[in-house]
Amino acid sequence: MGATDDEDISPETFVKLMNQFYHLGWVYGSSGGMAVCSKNVIYYSPSSVNKERLKESDLFVFNSENNELVRRPENPKIKESACTPLFNLVLNDTDALCVIHTHAKFSNLLTQLIKGGQFEIANQEMIKGIMNRKTWKAYANVDKLIVPIVDNEPEEYMLLPALKKTLEGYPETCAVLVRNHGLFVWGNTWQKTKIMLECYEYLFELACDMIQRGLPLV
């Protein structure tokens, strides 16, 4: 979108990203969301708003210093996203400044094809677009990428214990898959988080095809 990694996000860009993710098939219905730290505020996507119809005035804005509400949506019926506690956990427990949650088809399918607790893939060019959270440096294409998988729960907030355990147990990861649900990905800028999301989604789709063709992932 023509932005450099040191450029803060604007409400306009936030809304454009959500629209873009909708048209990629990653946030259909009112699913998915995003939280981004920008200067001294944090922007949050709302609940129950179709992402292709999202407006700047629909965003929740909080002060990042004292966690006070700066601005809420003009429509009083719009509520905070159910993912807000999960976004806050990642933002508070890591160096991340952006968290994106998607419900893409292939991130869901992959968790059903893989029965274990993590997804592994190596020797793929798109791995180079993923960051190591310990160093915030990109992986090499020959590295083995590991993404933990946690089981889904009836409500988003119930994922908090599993997510906290994942952040502690996988200090290098920038993502977690939720079985039969979707993906959470985070990064130290919104630009890098967007890039990682695109690379993860590509790798998940590729992996689904490879598994169904009997090709090894590692």
N, C-alpha and C. Protein backbone atom coordinates (compact mmCIF):
# COMPACT_ATOMS: atom_id res chain seq x y z
N MET A 1 0.82 -1.20 0.00
CA MET A 1 0.00 0.00 0.00
C MET A 1 0.85 1.26 0.00
N GLY A 2 2.15 1.07 -0.34
CA GLY A 2 3.03 2.21 -0.46
C GLY A 2 3.55 2.76 0.85
N ALA A 3 3.42 2.01 1.95
CA ALA A 3 3.84 2.50 3.26
C ALA A 3 5.18 1.90 3.67
N THR A 4 5.98 2.69 4.37
CA THR A 4 7.24 2.18 4.90
C THR A 4 6.99 1.61 6.28
N ASP A 5 7.96 0.81 6.78
CA ASP A 5 7.77 0.11 8.04
C ASP A 5 7.74 1.04 9.25
N ASP A 6 8.16 2.28 9.10
CA ASP A 6 8.13 3.19 10.24
C ASP A 6 6.92 4.12 10.19
N GLU A 7 6.02 3.87 9.27
CA GLU A 7 4.85 4.72 9.12
C GLU A 7 3.70 4.22 9.99
N ASP A 8 3.16 5.09 10.84
CA ASP A 8 2.03 4.71 11.69
C ASP A 8 0.79 4.49 10.83
N ILE A 9 -0.08 3.64 11.34
CA ILE A 9 -1.31 3.37 10.60
C ILE A 9 -2.32 4.48 10.86
N SER A 10 -3.15 4.73 9.89
CA SER A 10 -4.24 5.70 10.02
C SER A 10 -5.55 4.93 10.02
N PRO A 11 -6.63 5.51 10.54
CA PRO A 11 -7.93 4.85 10.46
C PRO A 11 -8.31 4.48 9.03
N GLU A 12 -7.95 5.35 8.09
CA GLU A 12 -8.25 5.08 6.68
C GLU A 12 -7.54 3.82 6.20
N THR A 13 -6.26 3.68 6.54
CA THR A 13 -5.51 2.50 6.12
C THR A 13 -6.02 1.26 6.82
N PHE A 14 -6.36 1.38 8.08
CA PHE A 14 -6.92 0.27 8.85
C PHE A 14 -8.15 -0.29 8.13
N VAL A 15 -9.06 0.58 7.76
CA VAL A 15 -10.28 0.18 7.08
C VAL A 15 -9.98 -0.45 5.72
N LYS A 16 -9.03 0.11 5.00
CA LYS A 16 -8.65 -0.44 3.70
C LYS A 16 -8.09 -1.86 3.83
N LEU A 17 -7.30 -2.09 4.89
CA LEU A 17 -6.76 -3.43 5.11
C LEU A 17 -7.87 -4.45 5.37
N MET A 18 -8.82 -4.09 6.22
CA MET A 18 -9.93 -4.99 6.50
C MET A 18 -10.71 -5.30 5.23
N ASN A 19 -10.90 -4.30 4.38
CA ASN A 19 -11.59 -4.50 3.11
C ASN A 19 -10.79 -5.43 2.21
N GLN A 20 -9.49 -5.25 2.20
CA GLN A 20 -8.62 -6.10 1.39
C GLN A 20 -8.68 -7.56 1.86
N PHE A 21 -8.65 -7.76 3.18
CA PHE A 21 -8.69 -9.12 3.73
C PHE A 21 -10.04 -9.78 3.43
N TYR A 22 -11.11 -8.97 3.42
CA TYR A 22 -12.42 -9.52 3.07
C TYR A 22 -12.40 -10.06 1.64
N HIS A 23 -11.87 -9.27 0.72
CA HIS A 23 -11.89 -9.67 -0.69
C HIS A 23 -10.92 -10.81 -0.98
N LEU A 24 -10.00 -11.08 -0.06
CA LEU A 24 -9.13 -12.26 -0.17
C LEU A 24 -9.80 -13.50 0.42
N GLY A 25 -10.96 -13.33 1.04
CA GLY A 25 -11.67 -14.46 1.61
C GLY A 25 -11.23 -14.83 3.01
N TRP A 26 -10.59 -13.91 3.71
CA TRP A 26 -10.03 -14.21 5.02
C TRP A 26 -10.89 -13.74 6.18
N VAL A 27 -11.85 -12.84 5.94
CA VAL A 27 -12.69 -12.31 7.02
C VAL A 27 -14.14 -12.19 6.57
N TYR A 28 -14.68 -13.27 6.05
CA TYR A 28 -16.07 -13.26 5.59
C TYR A 28 -17.04 -13.06 6.74
N GLY A 29 -18.28 -12.69 6.39
CA GLY A 29 -19.27 -12.41 7.41
C GLY A 29 -18.80 -11.24 8.25
N SER A 30 -18.91 -11.40 9.54
CA SER A 30 -18.35 -10.39 10.45
C SER A 30 -17.15 -10.95 11.19
N SER A 31 -16.53 -12.01 10.64
CA SER A 31 -15.44 -12.71 11.32
C SER A 31 -14.13 -11.94 11.22
N GLY A 32 -13.18 -12.33 12.06
CA GLY A 32 -11.84 -11.76 12.01
C GLY A 32 -11.77 -10.36 12.59
N GLY A 33 -10.54 -9.84 12.65
CA GLY A 33 -10.36 -8.50 13.19
C GLY A 33 -8.90 -8.15 13.30
N MET A 34 -8.64 -6.94 13.84
CA MET A 34 -7.27 -6.45 13.93
C MET A 34 -7.16 -5.42 15.04
N ALA A 35 -5.99 -5.37 15.66
CA ALA A 35 -5.65 -4.32 16.62
C ALA A 35 -4.26 -3.81 16.26
N VAL A 36 -4.10 -2.48 16.25
CA VAL A 36 -2.82 -1.89 15.85
C VAL A 36 -2.48 -0.72 16.78
N CYS A 37 -1.27 -0.77 17.35
CA CYS A 37 -0.76 0.37 18.12
C CYS A 37 -0.22 1.41 17.15
N SER A 38 -0.59 2.67 17.36
CA SER A 38 -0.15 3.74 16.49
C SER A 38 0.04 5.00 17.32
N LYS A 39 1.29 5.41 17.49
CA LYS A 39 1.63 6.54 18.34
C LYS A 39 1.17 6.24 19.77
N ASN A 40 0.24 7.01 20.30
CA ASN A 40 -0.18 6.79 21.69
C ASN A 40 -1.58 6.18 21.78
N VAL A 41 -2.08 5.61 20.68
CA VAL A 41 -3.40 4.98 20.70
C VAL A 41 -3.33 3.58 20.11
N ILE A 42 -4.39 2.80 20.39
CA ILE A 42 -4.55 1.48 19.79
C ILE A 42 -5.90 1.46 19.09
N TYR A 43 -5.89 1.10 17.82
CA TYR A 43 -7.12 0.95 17.05
C TYR A 43 -7.57 -0.51 17.08
N TYR A 44 -8.87 -0.71 17.31
CA TYR A 44 -9.44 -2.06 17.33
C TYR A 44 -10.61 -2.12 16.35
N SER A 45 -10.69 -3.21 15.60
CA SER A 45 -11.88 -3.44 14.79
C SER A 45 -13.03 -3.82 15.70
N PRO A 46 -14.27 -3.51 15.32
CA PRO A 46 -15.44 -3.80 16.15
C PRO A 46 -15.99 -5.19 15.90
N SER A 47 -16.99 -5.54 16.68
CA SER A 47 -17.70 -6.80 16.49
C SER A 47 -18.91 -6.59 15.58
N SER A 48 -19.27 -7.66 14.88
CA SER A 48 -20.54 -7.71 14.12
C SER A 48 -20.67 -6.63 13.05
N VAL A 49 -19.55 -6.25 12.47
CA VAL A 49 -19.58 -5.33 11.33
C VAL A 49 -18.89 -6.00 10.15
N ASN A 50 -19.58 -6.09 9.02
CA ASN A 50 -18.98 -6.68 7.84
C ASN A 50 -17.75 -5.90 7.43
N LYS A 51 -16.64 -6.60 7.24
CA LYS A 51 -15.36 -5.91 7.04
C LYS A 51 -15.30 -5.12 5.74
N GLU A 52 -16.08 -5.51 4.73
CA GLU A 52 -16.07 -4.74 3.49
C GLU A 52 -16.91 -3.46 3.62
N ARG A 53 -17.68 -3.36 4.71
CA ARG A 53 -18.51 -2.18 4.93
C ARG A 53 -18.00 -1.33 6.11
N LEU A 54 -16.86 -1.72 6.65
CA LEU A 54 -16.30 -1.03 7.81
C LEU A 54 -15.95 0.42 7.46
N LYS A 55 -16.28 1.32 8.39
CA LYS A 55 -15.95 2.74 8.23
C LYS A 55 -14.98 3.17 9.33
N GLU A 56 -14.29 4.27 9.10
CA GLU A 56 -13.35 4.79 10.10
C GLU A 56 -14.05 5.08 11.42
N SER A 57 -15.28 5.53 11.34
CA SER A 57 -16.04 5.86 12.54
C SER A 57 -16.51 4.62 13.30
N ASP A 58 -16.31 3.42 12.74
CA ASP A 58 -16.70 2.18 13.41
C ASP A 58 -15.62 1.64 14.34
N LEU A 59 -14.42 2.24 14.31
CA LEU A 59 -13.30 1.71 15.09
C LEU A 59 -13.37 2.14 16.55
N PHE A 60 -12.88 1.26 17.42
CA PHE A 60 -12.66 1.61 18.82
C PHE A 60 -11.24 2.12 18.95
N VAL A 61 -11.05 3.20 19.68
CA VAL A 61 -9.72 3.78 19.86
C VAL A 61 -9.45 3.93 21.36
N PHE A 62 -8.35 3.33 21.82
CA PHE A 62 -7.98 3.40 23.23
C PHE A 62 -6.63 4.08 23.39
N ASN A 63 -6.45 4.78 24.49
CA ASN A 63 -5.15 5.35 24.84
C ASN A 63 -4.23 4.22 25.26
N SER A 64 -3.07 4.10 24.63
CA SER A 64 -2.16 3.00 24.93
C SER A 64 -1.43 3.16 26.26
N GLU A 65 -1.43 4.38 26.81
CA GLU A 65 -0.73 4.62 28.07
C GLU A 65 -1.58 4.19 29.27
N ASN A 66 -2.85 4.58 29.29
CA ASN A 66 -3.69 4.30 30.45
C ASN A 66 -4.89 3.40 30.13
N ASN A 67 -4.96 2.92 28.88
CA ASN A 67 -6.02 2.00 28.45
C ASN A 67 -7.42 2.62 28.54
N GLU A 68 -7.51 3.94 28.50
CA GLU A 68 -8.80 4.62 28.53
C GLU A 68 -9.37 4.74 27.12
N LEU A 69 -10.69 4.64 27.03
CA LEU A 69 -11.36 4.77 25.74
C LEU A 69 -11.28 6.20 25.24
N VAL A 70 -10.74 6.39 24.04
CA VAL A 70 -10.62 7.71 23.43
C VAL A 70 -11.84 7.99 22.56
N ARG A 71 -12.25 7.00 21.78
CA ARG A 71 -13.39 7.17 20.89
C ARG A 71 -14.03 5.82 20.61
N ARG A 72 -15.33 5.78 20.63
CA ARG A 72 -16.04 4.56 20.29
C ARG A 72 -16.85 4.81 19.02
N PRO A 73 -17.36 3.76 18.39
CA PRO A 73 -18.15 3.95 17.16
C PRO A 73 -19.36 4.85 17.39
N GLU A 74 -19.72 5.58 16.35
CA GLU A 74 -20.88 6.46 16.42
C GLU A 74 -22.16 5.67 16.62
N ASN A 75 -22.24 4.50 16.03
CA ASN A 75 -23.42 3.64 16.18
C ASN A 75 -23.36 2.97 17.56
N PRO A 76 -24.29 3.26 18.46
CA PRO A 76 -24.24 2.71 19.81
C PRO A 76 -24.45 1.20 19.87
N LYS A 77 -24.95 0.60 18.78
CA LYS A 77 -25.18 -0.84 18.76
C LYS A 77 -23.90 -1.63 18.49
N ILE A 78 -22.87 -0.94 18.02
CA ILE A 78 -21.60 -1.62 17.71
C ILE A 78 -20.83 -1.89 19.01
N LYS A 79 -20.41 -3.13 19.18
CA LYS A 79 -19.69 -3.53 20.39
C LYS A 79 -18.23 -3.87 20.07
N GLU A 80 -17.43 -3.96 21.12
CA GLU A 80 -16.03 -4.35 20.95
C GLU A 80 -15.95 -5.78 20.43
N SER A 81 -14.90 -6.06 19.69
CA SER A 81 -14.67 -7.41 19.18
C SER A 81 -14.48 -8.40 20.31
N ALA A 82 -14.99 -9.61 20.12
CA ALA A 82 -14.78 -10.68 21.10
C ALA A 82 -13.32 -11.06 21.20
N CYS A 83 -12.53 -10.67 20.19
CA CYS A 83 -11.09 -10.98 20.19
C CYS A 83 -10.27 -9.95 20.95
N THR A 84 -10.88 -8.88 21.44
CA THR A 84 -10.12 -7.82 22.11
C THR A 84 -9.26 -8.35 23.25
N PRO A 85 -9.75 -9.23 24.15
CA PRO A 85 -8.87 -9.76 25.20
C PRO A 85 -7.66 -10.52 24.66
N LEU A 86 -7.85 -11.23 23.54
CA LEU A 86 -6.75 -11.97 22.93
C LEU A 86 -5.74 -11.01 22.30
N PHE A 87 -6.25 -9.98 21.62
CA PHE A 87 -5.36 -8.97 21.06
C PHE A 87 -4.53 -8.33 22.16
N ASN A 88 -5.18 -7.98 23.27
CA ASN A 88 -4.48 -7.30 24.36
C ASN A 88 -3.42 -8.20 25.00
N LEU A 89 -3.72 -9.49 25.10
CA LEU A 89 -2.73 -10.42 25.66
C LEU A 89 -1.46 -10.41 24.82
N VAL A 90 -1.62 -10.50 23.50
CA VAL A 90 -0.44 -10.51 22.62
C VAL A 90 0.30 -9.18 22.71
N LEU A 91 -0.42 -8.07 22.66
CA LEU A 91 0.22 -6.75 22.71
C LEU A 91 0.94 -6.52 24.04
N ASN A 92 0.38 -7.04 25.13
CA ASN A 92 0.97 -6.83 26.46
C ASN A 92 2.12 -7.78 26.77
N ASP A 93 2.05 -9.00 26.21
CA ASP A 93 3.04 -10.03 26.57
C ASP A 93 4.17 -10.18 25.55
N THR A 94 4.13 -9.43 24.46
CA THR A 94 5.18 -9.50 23.45
C THR A 94 5.58 -8.09 23.04
N ASP A 95 6.52 -8.01 22.10
CA ASP A 95 6.91 -6.71 21.54
C ASP A 95 6.06 -6.34 20.33
N ALA A 96 5.01 -7.10 20.08
CA ALA A 96 4.18 -6.86 18.91
C ALA A 96 3.40 -5.56 19.05
N LEU A 97 3.18 -4.92 17.90
CA LEU A 97 2.38 -3.70 17.83
C LEU A 97 1.15 -3.86 16.95
N CYS A 98 0.99 -5.06 16.39
CA CYS A 98 -0.15 -5.34 15.53
C CYS A 98 -0.53 -6.80 15.65
N VAL A 99 -1.83 -7.08 15.74
CA VAL A 99 -2.34 -8.45 15.77
C VAL A 99 -3.50 -8.53 14.78
N ILE A 100 -3.48 -9.57 13.94
CA ILE A 100 -4.56 -9.78 12.96
C ILE A 100 -5.13 -11.18 13.15
N HIS A 101 -6.45 -11.26 13.11
CA HIS A 101 -7.14 -12.56 13.23
C HIS A 101 -7.96 -12.80 11.97
N THR A 102 -7.77 -13.97 11.34
CA THR A 102 -8.49 -14.31 10.12
C THR A 102 -9.20 -15.65 10.26
N HIS A 103 -10.17 -15.87 9.38
CA HIS A 103 -10.94 -17.12 9.33
C HIS A 103 -10.84 -17.72 7.93
N ALA A 104 -9.66 -17.78 7.38
CA ALA A 104 -9.49 -18.25 6.01
C ALA A 104 -9.75 -19.76 5.90
N LYS A 105 -10.19 -20.18 4.75
CA LYS A 105 -10.54 -21.58 4.50
C LYS A 105 -9.35 -22.53 4.76
N PHE A 106 -8.18 -22.17 4.25
CA PHE A 106 -7.08 -23.12 4.30
C PHE A 106 -6.41 -23.18 5.68
N SER A 107 -6.46 -22.10 6.45
CA SER A 107 -5.93 -22.19 7.81
C SER A 107 -6.82 -23.10 8.66
N ASN A 108 -8.12 -23.12 8.35
CA ASN A 108 -9.05 -24.02 9.02
C ASN A 108 -8.82 -25.46 8.57
N LEU A 109 -8.78 -25.67 7.26
CA LEU A 109 -8.62 -27.03 6.71
C LEU A 109 -7.32 -27.66 7.18
N LEU A 110 -6.26 -26.88 7.22
CA LEU A 110 -4.96 -27.42 7.62
C LEU A 110 -5.01 -28.01 9.03
N THR A 111 -5.72 -27.36 9.93
CA THR A 111 -5.78 -27.86 11.31
C THR A 111 -6.58 -29.15 11.41
N GLN A 112 -7.37 -29.45 10.39
CA GLN A 112 -8.09 -30.72 10.38
C GLN A 112 -7.28 -31.83 9.71
N LEU A 113 -6.37 -31.44 8.80
CA LEU A 113 -5.49 -32.41 8.16
C LEU A 113 -4.34 -32.81 9.07
N ILE A 114 -3.94 -31.88 9.96
CA ILE A 114 -2.85 -32.16 10.90
C ILE A 114 -3.46 -32.42 12.27
N LYS A 115 -3.24 -33.60 12.80
CA LYS A 115 -3.86 -33.98 14.06
C LYS A 115 -3.04 -33.58 15.29
N GLY A 116 -1.77 -33.27 15.09
CA GLY A 116 -0.90 -32.92 16.20
C GLY A 116 -1.05 -31.50 16.66
N GLY A 117 -0.14 -31.07 17.54
CA GLY A 117 -0.22 -29.76 18.15
C GLY A 117 0.58 -28.68 17.46
N GLN A 118 1.17 -28.99 16.29
CA GLN A 118 1.89 -27.95 15.57
C GLN A 118 2.02 -28.29 14.09
N PHE A 119 2.10 -27.24 13.29
CA PHE A 119 2.32 -27.35 11.86
C PHE A 119 3.78 -27.05 11.57
N GLU A 120 4.42 -27.89 10.73
CA GLU A 120 5.82 -27.70 10.37
C GLU A 120 5.96 -27.75 8.86
N ILE A 121 6.80 -26.84 8.33
CA ILE A 121 7.09 -26.84 6.90
C ILE A 121 8.48 -26.26 6.71
N ALA A 122 9.19 -26.74 5.69
CA ALA A 122 10.56 -26.28 5.42
C ALA A 122 10.81 -26.24 3.92
N ASN A 123 11.89 -25.57 3.57
CA ASN A 123 12.36 -25.52 2.18
C ASN A 123 11.33 -24.90 1.22
N GLN A 124 10.68 -23.83 1.71
CA GLN A 124 9.74 -23.10 0.88
C GLN A 124 10.12 -21.62 0.85
N GLU A 125 10.10 -21.02 -0.32
CA GLU A 125 10.56 -19.65 -0.49
C GLU A 125 9.79 -18.65 0.37
N MET A 126 8.49 -18.87 0.54
CA MET A 126 7.67 -17.91 1.27
C MET A 126 7.94 -17.89 2.77
N ILE A 127 8.70 -18.86 3.26
CA ILE A 127 9.11 -18.83 4.67
C ILE A 127 9.95 -17.58 4.94
N LYS A 128 10.61 -17.07 3.91
CA LYS A 128 11.46 -15.88 4.07
C LYS A 128 10.66 -14.63 4.42
N GLY A 129 9.34 -14.68 4.29
CA GLY A 129 8.51 -13.55 4.67
C GLY A 129 8.04 -13.58 6.11
N ILE A 130 8.46 -14.62 6.86
CA ILE A 130 8.04 -14.79 8.26
C ILE A 130 9.17 -14.34 9.19
N MET A 131 8.80 -13.67 10.28
CA MET A 131 9.77 -13.16 11.25
C MET A 131 9.89 -14.10 12.45
N ASN A 132 11.10 -14.18 13.00
CA ASN A 132 11.35 -14.87 14.26
C ASN A 132 11.11 -13.85 15.38
N ARG A 133 10.17 -14.15 16.28
CA ARG A 133 9.78 -13.17 17.31
C ARG A 133 10.92 -12.86 18.29
N LYS A 134 11.84 -13.80 18.46
CA LYS A 134 12.97 -13.55 19.37
C LYS A 134 13.91 -12.49 18.83
N THR A 135 14.12 -12.50 17.53
CA THR A 135 15.11 -11.61 16.91
C THR A 135 14.48 -10.56 16.01
N TRP A 136 13.23 -10.75 15.63
CA TRP A 136 12.54 -9.92 14.63
C TRP A 136 13.32 -9.89 13.32
N LYS A 137 13.99 -11.02 13.04
CA LYS A 137 14.66 -11.19 11.74
C LYS A 137 13.93 -12.28 10.96
N ALA A 138 14.01 -12.19 9.64
CA ALA A 138 13.30 -13.14 8.79
C ALA A 138 13.98 -14.50 8.78
N TYR A 139 13.16 -15.53 8.66
CA TYR A 139 13.69 -16.88 8.50
C TYR A 139 14.29 -17.04 7.10
N ALA A 140 15.14 -18.04 6.95
CA ALA A 140 15.64 -18.43 5.64
C ALA A 140 14.69 -19.46 5.04
N ASN A 141 14.71 -19.58 3.72
CA ASN A 141 13.79 -20.52 3.09
C ASN A 141 14.10 -21.98 3.45
N VAL A 142 15.31 -22.26 3.91
CA VAL A 142 15.67 -23.63 4.29
C VAL A 142 15.35 -23.93 5.75
N ASP A 143 14.96 -22.91 6.51
CA ASP A 143 14.60 -23.12 7.92
C ASP A 143 13.28 -23.88 8.02
N LYS A 144 13.11 -24.52 9.18
CA LYS A 144 11.83 -25.18 9.46
C LYS A 144 10.94 -24.21 10.21
N LEU A 145 9.80 -23.89 9.62
CA LEU A 145 8.83 -23.01 10.25
C LEU A 145 7.86 -23.85 11.08
N ILE A 146 7.65 -23.44 12.33
CA ILE A 146 6.73 -24.14 13.22
C ILE A 146 5.63 -23.18 13.67
N VAL A 147 4.39 -23.61 13.51
CA VAL A 147 3.24 -22.83 13.96
C VAL A 147 2.43 -23.70 14.92
N PRO A 148 2.28 -23.31 16.18
CA PRO A 148 1.50 -24.11 17.12
C PRO A 148 0.02 -24.12 16.76
N ILE A 149 -0.65 -25.19 17.15
CA ILE A 149 -2.09 -25.34 16.92
C ILE A 149 -2.76 -25.57 18.27
N VAL A 150 -3.78 -24.78 18.59
CA VAL A 150 -4.55 -24.97 19.82
C VAL A 150 -5.98 -25.32 19.45
N ASP A 151 -6.65 -26.00 20.35
CA ASP A 151 -8.04 -26.40 20.10
C ASP A 151 -8.98 -25.22 20.30
N ASN A 152 -10.04 -25.21 19.52
CA ASN A 152 -11.02 -24.15 19.58
C ASN A 152 -11.86 -24.23 20.86
N GLU A 153 -12.51 -23.15 21.20
CA GLU A 153 -13.41 -23.06 22.35
C GLU A 153 -14.72 -22.42 21.90
N PRO A 154 -15.80 -22.57 22.68
CA PRO A 154 -17.09 -21.97 22.30
C PRO A 154 -17.06 -20.45 22.19
N GLU A 155 -16.22 -19.80 23.01
CA GLU A 155 -16.12 -18.34 22.99
C GLU A 155 -14.65 -17.94 22.89
N GLU A 156 -14.38 -16.81 22.24
CA GLU A 156 -13.00 -16.38 22.00
C GLU A 156 -12.19 -16.21 23.30
N TYR A 157 -12.80 -15.59 24.33
CA TYR A 157 -12.05 -15.32 25.55
C TYR A 157 -11.57 -16.60 26.23
N MET A 158 -12.23 -17.73 25.93
CA MET A 158 -11.83 -19.00 26.51
C MET A 158 -10.50 -19.50 25.94
N LEU A 159 -10.04 -18.87 24.86
CA LEU A 159 -8.75 -19.22 24.26
C LEU A 159 -7.58 -18.57 25.00
N LEU A 160 -7.86 -17.67 25.93
CA LEU A 160 -6.80 -16.94 26.61
C LEU A 160 -5.75 -17.85 27.27
N PRO A 161 -6.13 -18.86 28.05
CA PRO A 161 -5.09 -19.72 28.66
C PRO A 161 -4.21 -20.42 27.64
N ALA A 162 -4.82 -20.93 26.58
CA ALA A 162 -4.05 -21.62 25.54
C ALA A 162 -3.12 -20.66 24.81
N LEU A 163 -3.62 -19.45 24.55
CA LEU A 163 -2.79 -18.46 23.86
C LEU A 163 -1.61 -18.04 24.73
N LYS A 164 -1.86 -17.82 26.02
CA LYS A 164 -0.78 -17.43 26.92
C LYS A 164 0.28 -18.53 27.02
N LYS A 165 -0.18 -19.78 27.10
CA LYS A 165 0.74 -20.92 27.14
C LYS A 165 1.56 -21.00 25.85
N THR A 166 0.93 -20.70 24.73
CA THR A 166 1.62 -20.73 23.43
C THR A 166 2.69 -19.64 23.35
N LEU A 167 2.37 -18.44 23.82
CA LEU A 167 3.35 -17.35 23.79
C LEU A 167 4.58 -17.70 24.62
N GLU A 168 4.37 -18.41 25.72
CA GLU A 168 5.48 -18.79 26.59
C GLU A 168 6.23 -20.00 26.04
N GLY A 169 5.50 -20.95 25.47
CA GLY A 169 6.12 -22.19 25.00
C GLY A 169 6.74 -22.11 23.62
N TYR A 170 6.33 -21.11 22.83
CA TYR A 170 6.87 -20.92 21.48
C TYR A 170 7.36 -19.48 21.35
N PRO A 171 8.48 -19.16 22.00
CA PRO A 171 8.95 -17.77 22.02
C PRO A 171 9.38 -17.21 20.67
N GLU A 172 9.55 -18.07 19.67
CA GLU A 172 9.96 -17.60 18.35
C GLU A 172 8.79 -17.39 17.40
N THR A 173 7.62 -17.87 17.76
CA THR A 173 6.50 -17.83 16.81
C THR A 173 5.82 -16.47 16.77
N CYS A 174 5.31 -16.15 15.60
CA CYS A 174 4.51 -14.93 15.39
C CYS A 174 3.08 -15.29 15.00
N ALA A 175 2.68 -16.54 15.24
CA ALA A 175 1.35 -16.96 14.84
C ALA A 175 0.90 -18.17 15.63
N VAL A 176 -0.41 -18.33 15.70
CA VAL A 176 -0.99 -19.55 16.27
C VAL A 176 -2.25 -19.89 15.45
N LEU A 177 -2.39 -21.16 15.14
CA LEU A 177 -3.58 -21.66 14.47
C LEU A 177 -4.56 -22.17 15.51
N VAL A 178 -5.84 -21.89 15.31
CA VAL A 178 -6.89 -22.41 16.18
C VAL A 178 -7.69 -23.42 15.38
N ARG A 179 -7.72 -24.67 15.86
CA ARG A 179 -8.32 -25.75 15.10
C ARG A 179 -9.80 -25.48 14.79
N ASN A 180 -10.16 -25.73 13.54
CA ASN A 180 -11.54 -25.51 13.06
C ASN A 180 -11.99 -24.06 13.19
N HIS A 181 -11.04 -23.14 13.23
CA HIS A 181 -11.39 -21.75 13.51
C HIS A 181 -10.63 -20.80 12.58
N GLY A 182 -9.33 -20.62 12.83
CA GLY A 182 -8.59 -19.66 12.02
C GLY A 182 -7.20 -19.40 12.54
N LEU A 183 -6.70 -18.19 12.29
CA LEU A 183 -5.31 -17.83 12.54
C LEU A 183 -5.21 -16.51 13.29
N PHE A 184 -4.24 -16.44 14.22
CA PHE A 184 -3.81 -15.18 14.81
C PHE A 184 -2.35 -14.97 14.42
N VAL A 185 -2.01 -13.78 13.94
CA VAL A 185 -0.63 -13.46 13.58
C VAL A 185 -0.29 -12.07 14.10
N TRP A 186 0.94 -11.88 14.54
CA TRP A 186 1.34 -10.59 15.12
C TRP A 186 2.76 -10.23 14.70
N GLY A 187 3.05 -8.93 14.75
CA GLY A 187 4.37 -8.46 14.36
C GLY A 187 4.70 -7.13 14.99
N ASN A 188 5.95 -6.67 14.78
CA ASN A 188 6.42 -5.44 15.42
C ASN A 188 6.08 -4.18 14.62
N THR A 189 5.46 -4.34 13.44
CA THR A 189 4.85 -3.23 12.70
C THR A 189 3.63 -3.80 11.99
N TRP A 190 2.71 -2.93 11.62
CA TRP A 190 1.54 -3.44 10.91
C TRP A 190 1.92 -3.89 9.51
N GLN A 191 2.94 -3.25 8.92
CA GLN A 191 3.37 -3.64 7.58
C GLN A 191 3.93 -5.06 7.57
N LYS A 192 4.80 -5.37 8.55
CA LYS A 192 5.39 -6.71 8.61
C LYS A 192 4.35 -7.75 8.97
N THR A 193 3.39 -7.37 9.81
CA THR A 193 2.33 -8.31 10.17
C THR A 193 1.49 -8.65 8.95
N LYS A 194 1.19 -7.66 8.13
CA LYS A 194 0.44 -7.89 6.89
C LYS A 194 1.20 -8.83 5.97
N ILE A 195 2.50 -8.59 5.82
CA ILE A 195 3.32 -9.45 4.96
C ILE A 195 3.34 -10.88 5.49
N MET A 196 3.50 -11.02 6.81
CA MET A 196 3.53 -12.37 7.39
C MET A 196 2.19 -13.07 7.20
N LEU A 197 1.11 -12.36 7.38
CA LEU A 197 -0.21 -12.95 7.18
C LEU A 197 -0.33 -13.50 5.76
N GLU A 198 0.09 -12.74 4.78
CA GLU A 198 0.02 -13.19 3.40
C GLU A 198 0.88 -14.42 3.17
N CYS A 199 2.06 -14.44 3.76
CA CYS A 199 2.96 -15.59 3.60
C CYS A 199 2.42 -16.83 4.31
N TYR A 200 1.90 -16.64 5.53
CA TYR A 200 1.30 -17.76 6.24
C TYR A 200 0.14 -18.35 5.46
N GLU A 201 -0.76 -17.50 4.98
CA GLU A 201 -1.92 -18.01 4.26
C GLU A 201 -1.51 -18.75 2.99
N TYR A 202 -0.48 -18.24 2.31
CA TYR A 202 0.03 -18.95 1.13
C TYR A 202 0.56 -20.33 1.53
N LEU A 203 1.36 -20.38 2.60
CA LEU A 203 1.97 -21.64 3.03
C LEU A 203 0.91 -22.64 3.50
N PHE A 204 -0.15 -22.15 4.14
CA PHE A 204 -1.21 -23.06 4.59
C PHE A 204 -1.94 -23.67 3.40
N GLU A 205 -2.24 -22.85 2.40
CA GLU A 205 -2.91 -23.38 1.21
C GLU A 205 -2.01 -24.37 0.49
N LEU A 206 -0.74 -24.02 0.35
CA LEU A 206 0.22 -24.93 -0.28
C LEU A 206 0.30 -26.24 0.49
N ALA A 207 0.38 -26.16 1.82
CA ALA A 207 0.51 -27.36 2.64
C ALA A 207 -0.70 -28.27 2.50
N CYS A 208 -1.89 -27.69 2.43
CA CYS A 208 -3.10 -28.52 2.24
C CYS A 208 -3.01 -29.31 0.94
N ASP A 209 -2.55 -28.67 -0.13
CA ASP A 209 -2.39 -29.35 -1.41
C ASP A 209 -1.30 -30.42 -1.33
N MET A 210 -0.20 -30.11 -0.66
CA MET A 210 0.90 -31.07 -0.53
C MET A 210 0.48 -32.30 0.26
N ILE A 211 -0.24 -32.09 1.36
CA ILE A 211 -0.70 -33.22 2.17
C ILE A 211 -1.63 -34.11 1.37
N GLN A 212 -2.55 -33.51 0.64
CA GLN A 212 -3.51 -34.30 -0.13
C GLN A 212 -2.86 -35.02 -1.30
N ARG A 213 -1.66 -34.56 -1.71
CA ARG A 213 -0.92 -35.23 -2.77
C ARG A 213 0.18 -36.14 -2.23
N GLY A 214 0.24 -36.26 -0.91
CA GLY A 214 1.22 -37.15 -0.30
C GLY A 214 2.64 -36.63 -0.32
N LEU A 215 2.82 -35.33 -0.47
CA LEU A 215 4.15 -34.72 -0.52
C LEU A 215 4.59 -34.34 0.90
N PRO A 216 5.85 -34.56 1.23
CA PRO A 216 6.33 -34.22 2.58
C PRO A 216 6.44 -32.70 2.79
N LEU A 217 6.09 -32.23 3.97
CA LEU A 217 6.18 -30.82 4.29
C LEU A 217 7.56 -30.43 4.76
N VAL A 218 8.29 -31.37 5.32
CA VAL A 218 9.62 -31.10 5.87
C VAL A 218 10.62 -32.05 5.23
